[in-house]
Amino acid sequence: MKFIAPLLLLASTFAAKADSTFTTNVHQYAVKAVCASEGELAESEIFGFQSTTINLHNPFYEDTKLRWKLAAAQSGYQGEISKFMDTDLRPDGAMRIDCSQIRRWGEEHNALENGGFEGFVVIQSENELDVTSFHYAGDKESARSVEVETYQVRKITAPERFSVSQW
């Protein structure tokens, strides 16, 4: 009987360590994006065109790994989800994801609707990033709407197969 308590304590310690090795923390951002011209998205009321540009900045003094994918929103049902696109950002480096990249990546992964995209660009990184988006709606001569948004990080716990070391 004296040996059971230490064995249970030892077993629970190993179980806790085993559980912690199978999860990882990921920094995630879900940025609303629309890249469409009139008539491209079914059942939408887009006049002229809408465009989203996303800016990412690495505020740290070391390289950071990141990846992004598309999660398309369809009218009344879930759209396609693309594979991730992997990349790195140098210290204080910045990059943008714009409609030309969204359309190209969306076309490769069947995430477009009649050539347009509406949904989310999901960004995951090993460190926090500065993430902003610029949304434009209008025509080539004038803007009807311009909006800039800043996104906060969502820290998620994911299975180890999603860890940065696997990217």
C-alpha atoms as a PDB file:
ATOM      1  CA  MET A   1       0.000   0.000   0.000  1.00  0.00           C
ATOM      2  CA  LYS A   2       2.882   2.368   0.792  1.00  0.00           C
ATOM      3  CA  PHE A   3       4.155   1.956  -2.776  1.00  0.00           C
ATOM      4  CA  ILE A   4       0.892   2.760  -4.573  1.00  0.00           C
ATOM      5  CA  ALA A   5       0.812   6.499  -3.760  1.00  0.00           C
ATOM      6  CA  PRO A   6       4.350   7.174  -5.094  1.00  0.00           C
ATOM      7  CA  LEU A   7       3.593   5.094  -8.195  1.00  0.00           C
ATOM      8  CA  LEU A   8       0.400   7.043  -8.850  1.00  0.00           C
ATOM      9  CA  LEU A   9       2.271  10.324  -8.397  1.00  0.00           C
ATOM     10  CA  LEU A  10       5.005   9.156 -10.783  1.00  0.00           C
ATOM     11  CA  ALA A  11       2.437   7.975 -13.356  1.00  0.00           C
ATOM     12  CA  SER A  12       0.534  11.278 -13.224  1.00  0.00           C
ATOM     13  CA  THR A  13       3.804  13.214 -13.695  1.00  0.00           C
ATOM     14  CA  PHE A  14       4.638  11.222 -16.837  1.00  0.00           C
ATOM     15  CA  ALA A  15       1.083  11.636 -18.139  1.00  0.00           C
ATOM     16  CA  ALA A  16       1.256  15.425 -17.685  1.00  0.00           C
ATOM     17  CA  LYS A  17       4.632  15.587 -19.459  1.00  0.00           C
ATOM     18  CA  ALA A  18       3.347  13.376 -22.277  1.00  0.00           C
ATOM     19  CA  ASP A  19       0.311  15.624 -22.784  1.00  0.00           C
ATOM     20  CA  SER A  20       2.436  18.778 -22.906  1.00  0.00           C
ATOM     21  CA  THR A  21       4.730  17.362 -25.596  1.00  0.00           C
ATOM     22  CA  PHE A  22       1.786  16.836 -27.927  1.00  0.00           C
ATOM     23  CA  THR A  23       0.602  20.440 -28.033  1.00  0.00           C
ATOM     24  CA  THR A  24       2.085  23.718 -29.187  1.00  0.00           C
ATOM     25  CA  ASN A  25       1.106  27.379 -28.994  1.00  0.00           C
ATOM     26  CA  VAL A  26       0.483  29.223 -32.259  1.00  0.00           C
ATOM     27  CA  HIS A  27      -0.173  32.937 -32.819  1.00  0.00           C
ATOM     28  CA  GLN A  28      -3.115  33.302 -35.195  1.00  0.00           C
ATOM     29  CA  TYR A  29      -4.893  36.149 -36.984  1.00  0.00           C
ATOM     30  CA  ALA A  30      -8.081  35.885 -39.073  1.00  0.00           C
ATOM     31  CA  VAL A  31      -8.283  38.829 -41.484  1.00  0.00           C
ATOM     32  CA  LYS A  32     -11.494  39.492 -43.430  1.00  0.00           C
ATOM     33  CA  ALA A  33     -10.719  39.829 -47.135  1.00  0.00           C
ATOM     34  CA  VAL A  34     -12.743  40.609 -50.256  1.00  0.00           C
ATOM     35  CA  CYS A  35     -11.213  40.636 -53.730  1.00  0.00           C
ATOM     36  CA  ALA A  36     -14.027  40.948 -56.241  1.00  0.00           C
ATOM     37  CA  SER A  37     -15.477  42.936 -59.085  1.00  0.00           C
ATOM     38  CA  GLU A  38     -19.136  43.359 -59.895  1.00  0.00           C
ATOM     39  CA  GLY A  39     -20.722  40.001 -60.791  1.00  0.00           C
ATOM     40  CA  GLU A  40     -17.928  37.789 -59.455  1.00  0.00           C
ATOM     41  CA  LEU A  41     -19.525  36.700 -56.181  1.00  0.00           C
ATOM     42  CA  ALA A  42     -22.913  34.958 -56.349  1.00  0.00           C
ATOM     43  CA  GLU A  43     -25.781  36.696 -54.557  1.00  0.00           C
ATOM     44  CA  SER A  44     -23.635  39.650 -53.513  1.00  0.00           C
ATOM     45  CA  GLU A  45     -24.289  43.318 -54.071  1.00  0.00           C
ATOM     46  CA  ILE A  46     -20.840  44.421 -55.188  1.00  0.00           C
ATOM     47  CA  PHE A  47     -20.848  47.459 -57.445  1.00  0.00           C
ATOM     48  CA  GLY A  48     -17.488  48.425 -58.884  1.00  0.00           C
ATOM     49  CA  PHE A  49     -14.843  46.421 -57.069  1.00  0.00           C
ATOM     50  CA  GLN A  50     -13.574  45.617 -53.586  1.00  0.00           C
ATOM     51  CA  SER A  51      -9.959  45.026 -52.683  1.00  0.00           C
ATOM     52  CA  THR A  52      -8.105  44.047 -49.501  1.00  0.00           C
ATOM     53  CA  THR A  53      -4.394  44.440 -48.799  1.00  0.00           C
ATOM     54  CA  ILE A  54      -2.911  42.928 -45.630  1.00  0.00           C
ATOM     55  CA  ASN A  55       0.354  44.213 -44.146  1.00  0.00           C
ATOM     56  CA  LEU A  56       2.468  42.084 -41.801  1.00  0.00           C
ATOM     57  CA  HIS A  57       5.406  43.353 -39.734  1.00  0.00           C
ATOM     58  CA  ASN A  58       7.871  41.408 -37.572  1.00  0.00           C
ATOM     59  CA  PRO A  59       8.651  43.694 -34.589  1.00  0.00           C
ATOM     60  CA  PHE A  60      11.276  41.344 -33.137  1.00  0.00           C
ATOM     61  CA  TYR A  61      15.083  41.206 -33.495  1.00  0.00           C
ATOM     62  CA  GLU A  62      15.062  37.681 -34.901  1.00  0.00           C
ATOM     63  CA  ASP A  63      13.588  35.952 -37.941  1.00  0.00           C
ATOM     64  CA  THR A  64      10.075  34.618 -37.517  1.00  0.00           C
ATOM     65  CA  LYS A  65       8.307  31.875 -39.443  1.00  0.00           C
ATOM     66  CA  LEU A  66       4.769  32.414 -40.601  1.00  0.00           C
ATOM     67  CA  ARG A  67       2.234  30.884 -42.920  1.00  0.00           C
ATOM     68  CA  TRP A  68      -1.123  31.881 -44.356  1.00  0.00           C
ATOM     69  CA  LYS A  69      -4.100  30.217 -45.987  1.00  0.00           C
ATOM     70  CA  LEU A  70      -7.505  31.124 -47.386  1.00  0.00           C
ATOM     71  CA  ALA A  71     -10.843  30.159 -45.855  1.00  0.00           C
ATOM     72  CA  ALA A  72     -13.477  31.041 -48.459  1.00  0.00           C
ATOM     73  CA  ALA A  73     -16.996  32.023 -47.401  1.00  0.00           C
ATOM     74  CA  GLN A  74     -19.783  30.969 -49.757  1.00  0.00           C
ATOM     75  CA  SER A  75     -23.400  32.106 -49.651  1.00  0.00           C
ATOM     76  CA  GLY A  76     -25.148  29.791 -47.177  1.00  0.00           C
ATOM     77  CA  TYR A  77     -22.400  27.164 -46.853  1.00  0.00           C
ATOM     78  CA  GLN A  78     -18.724  26.678 -46.080  1.00  0.00           C
ATOM     79  CA  GLY A  79     -16.313  27.358 -48.914  1.00  0.00           C
ATOM     80  CA  GLU A  80     -12.945  25.804 -49.660  1.00  0.00           C
ATOM     81  CA  ILE A  81      -9.941  26.030 -47.350  1.00  0.00           C
ATOM     82  CA  SER A  82      -6.562  26.259 -49.064  1.00  0.00           C
ATOM     83  CA  LYS A  83      -3.271  24.780 -47.982  1.00  0.00           C
ATOM     84  CA  PHE A  84      -0.837  27.010 -46.106  1.00  0.00           C
ATOM     85  CA  MET A  85       1.757  29.172 -47.865  1.00  0.00           C
ATOM     86  CA  ASP A  86       4.956  29.208 -45.744  1.00  0.00           C
ATOM     87  CA  THR A  87       7.334  32.166 -45.521  1.00  0.00           C
ATOM     88  CA  ASP A  88       9.723  33.993 -43.166  1.00  0.00           C
ATOM     89  CA  LEU A  89      10.058  37.585 -42.046  1.00  0.00           C
ATOM     90  CA  ARG A  90      13.442  39.053 -41.107  1.00  0.00           C
ATOM     91  CA  PRO A  91      13.819  41.271 -38.026  1.00  0.00           C
ATOM     92  CA  ASP A  92      11.770  44.440 -38.515  1.00  0.00           C
ATOM     93  CA  GLY A  93      10.734  43.061 -41.928  1.00  0.00           C
ATOM     94  CA  ALA A  94       7.364  43.683 -43.522  1.00  0.00           C
ATOM     95  CA  MET A  95       5.357  42.054 -46.292  1.00  0.00           C
ATOM     96  CA  ARG A  96       1.922  42.373 -47.838  1.00  0.00           C
ATOM     97  CA  ILE A  97      -0.676  39.916 -49.000  1.00  0.00           C
ATOM     98  CA  ASP A  98      -2.799  41.549 -51.682  1.00  0.00           C
ATOM     99  CA  CYS A  99      -5.581  40.540 -54.035  1.00  0.00           C
ATOM    100  CA  SER A 100      -3.216  39.348 -56.769  1.00  0.00           C
ATOM    101  CA  GLN A 101      -1.709  36.796 -54.345  1.00  0.00           C
ATOM    102  CA  ILE A 102      -5.114  35.913 -52.876  1.00  0.00           C
ATOM    103  CA  ARG A 103      -6.580  35.278 -56.349  1.00  0.00           C
ATOM    104  CA  ARG A 104      -3.542  33.249 -57.473  1.00  0.00           C
ATOM    105  CA  TRP A 105      -3.476  31.102 -54.301  1.00  0.00           C
ATOM    106  CA  GLY A 106      -7.277  30.836 -54.346  1.00  0.00           C
ATOM    107  CA  GLU A 107      -7.294  29.646 -57.952  1.00  0.00           C
ATOM    108  CA  GLU A 108      -4.733  26.928 -57.174  1.00  0.00           C
ATOM    109  CA  HIS A 109      -6.887  25.680 -54.267  1.00  0.00           C
ATOM    110  CA  ASN A 110     -10.429  26.145 -55.661  1.00  0.00           C
ATOM    111  CA  ALA A 111     -11.176  28.922 -53.157  1.00  0.00           C
ATOM    112  CA  LEU A 112     -12.539  31.436 -55.692  1.00  0.00           C
ATOM    113  CA  GLU A 113     -16.149  32.031 -56.679  1.00  0.00           C
ATOM    114  CA  ASN A 114     -16.485  33.148 -60.314  1.00  0.00           C
ATOM    115  CA  GLY A 115     -12.964  34.596 -60.052  1.00  0.00           C
ATOM    116  CA  GLY A 116     -13.599  36.557 -56.837  1.00  0.00           C
ATOM    117  CA  PHE A 117     -12.770  35.834 -53.215  1.00  0.00           C
ATOM    118  CA  GLU A 118     -14.627  36.568 -50.004  1.00  0.00           C
ATOM    119  CA  GLY A 119     -13.634  35.051 -46.682  1.00  0.00           C
ATOM    120  CA  PHE A 120     -10.638  35.095 -44.383  1.00  0.00           C
ATOM    121  CA  VAL A 121      -6.886  35.073 -44.757  1.00  0.00           C
ATOM    122  CA  VAL A 122      -5.749  33.014 -41.755  1.00  0.00           C
ATOM    123  CA  ILE A 123      -2.197  33.851 -40.641  1.00  0.00           C
ATOM    124  CA  GLN A 124      -0.211  31.758 -38.172  1.00  0.00           C
ATOM    125  CA  SER A 125       3.201  32.688 -36.790  1.00  0.00           C
ATOM    126  CA  GLU A 126       5.710  31.624 -34.176  1.00  0.00           C
ATOM    127  CA  ASN A 127       5.815  35.162 -32.709  1.00  0.00           C
ATOM    128  CA  GLU A 128       3.303  37.981 -32.490  1.00  0.00           C
ATOM    129  CA  LEU A 129       3.115  40.219 -35.557  1.00  0.00           C
ATOM    130  CA  ASP A 130       1.775  43.665 -36.359  1.00  0.00           C
ATOM    131  CA  VAL A 131      -1.157  42.944 -38.701  1.00  0.00           C
ATOM    132  CA  THR A 132      -3.230  45.591 -40.483  1.00  0.00           C
ATOM    133  CA  SER A 133      -5.533  45.484 -43.469  1.00  0.00           C
ATOM    134  CA  PHE A 134      -6.649  48.115 -45.946  1.00  0.00           C
ATOM    135  CA  HIS A 135     -10.103  47.628 -47.494  1.00  0.00           C
ATOM    136  CA  TYR A 136     -11.093  49.609 -50.582  1.00  0.00           C
ATOM    137  CA  ALA A 137     -14.490  49.680 -52.284  1.00  0.00           C
ATOM    138  CA  GLY A 138     -15.336  51.791 -55.294  1.00  0.00           C
ATOM    139  CA  ASP A 139     -14.415  52.117 -58.908  1.00  0.00           C
ATOM    140  CA  LYS A 140     -11.236  53.157 -60.664  1.00  0.00           C
ATOM    141  CA  GLU A 141     -12.115  56.867 -60.470  1.00  0.00           C
ATOM    142  CA  SER A 142     -13.292  57.206 -56.877  1.00  0.00           C
ATOM    143  CA  ALA A 143     -13.517  55.355 -53.593  1.00  0.00           C
ATOM    144  CA  ARG A 144     -16.870  54.785 -51.924  1.00  0.00           C
ATOM    145  CA  SER A 145     -15.288  53.332 -48.821  1.00  0.00           C
ATOM    146  CA  VAL A 146     -11.788  53.033 -47.383  1.00  0.00           C
ATOM    147  CA  GLU A 147     -11.118  51.302 -44.085  1.00  0.00           C
ATOM    148  CA  VAL A 148      -7.946  50.365 -42.185  1.00  0.00           C
ATOM    149  CA  GLU A 149      -8.126  47.708 -39.465  1.00  0.00           C
ATOM    150  CA  THR A 150      -5.575  46.468 -36.939  1.00  0.00           C
ATOM    151  CA  TYR A 151      -5.813  42.854 -35.773  1.00  0.00           C
ATOM    152  CA  GLN A 152      -5.066  41.418 -32.351  1.00  0.00           C
ATOM    153  CA  VAL A 153      -3.385  38.055 -31.922  1.00  0.00           C
ATOM    154  CA  ARG A 154      -5.330  34.948 -30.968  1.00  0.00           C
ATOM    155  CA  LYS A 155      -3.164  32.417 -29.143  1.00  0.00           C
ATOM    156  CA  ILE A 156      -4.313  28.892 -29.837  1.00  0.00           C
ATOM    157  CA  THR A 157      -3.126  25.527 -28.631  1.00  0.00           C
ATOM    158  CA  ALA A 158      -2.685  23.095 -31.487  1.00  0.00           C
ATOM    159  CA  PRO A 159      -1.510  19.490 -31.864  1.00  0.00           C
ATOM    160  CA  GLU A 160       2.275  19.152 -32.179  1.00  0.00           C
ATOM    161  CA  ARG A 161       1.985  18.379 -35.910  1.00  0.00           C
ATOM    162  CA  PHE A 162       1.033  22.074 -36.321  1.00  0.00           C
ATOM    163  CA  SER A 163       4.099  23.379 -34.459  1.00  0.00           C
ATOM    164  CA  VAL A 164       6.383  25.890 -36.123  1.00  0.00           C
ATOM    165  CA  SER A 165       9.129  23.262 -36.336  1.00  0.00           C
ATOM    166  CA  GLN A 166       6.892  21.307 -38.754  1.00  0.00           C
ATOM    167  CA  TRP A 167       6.420  24.233 -41.193  1.00  0.00           C
END
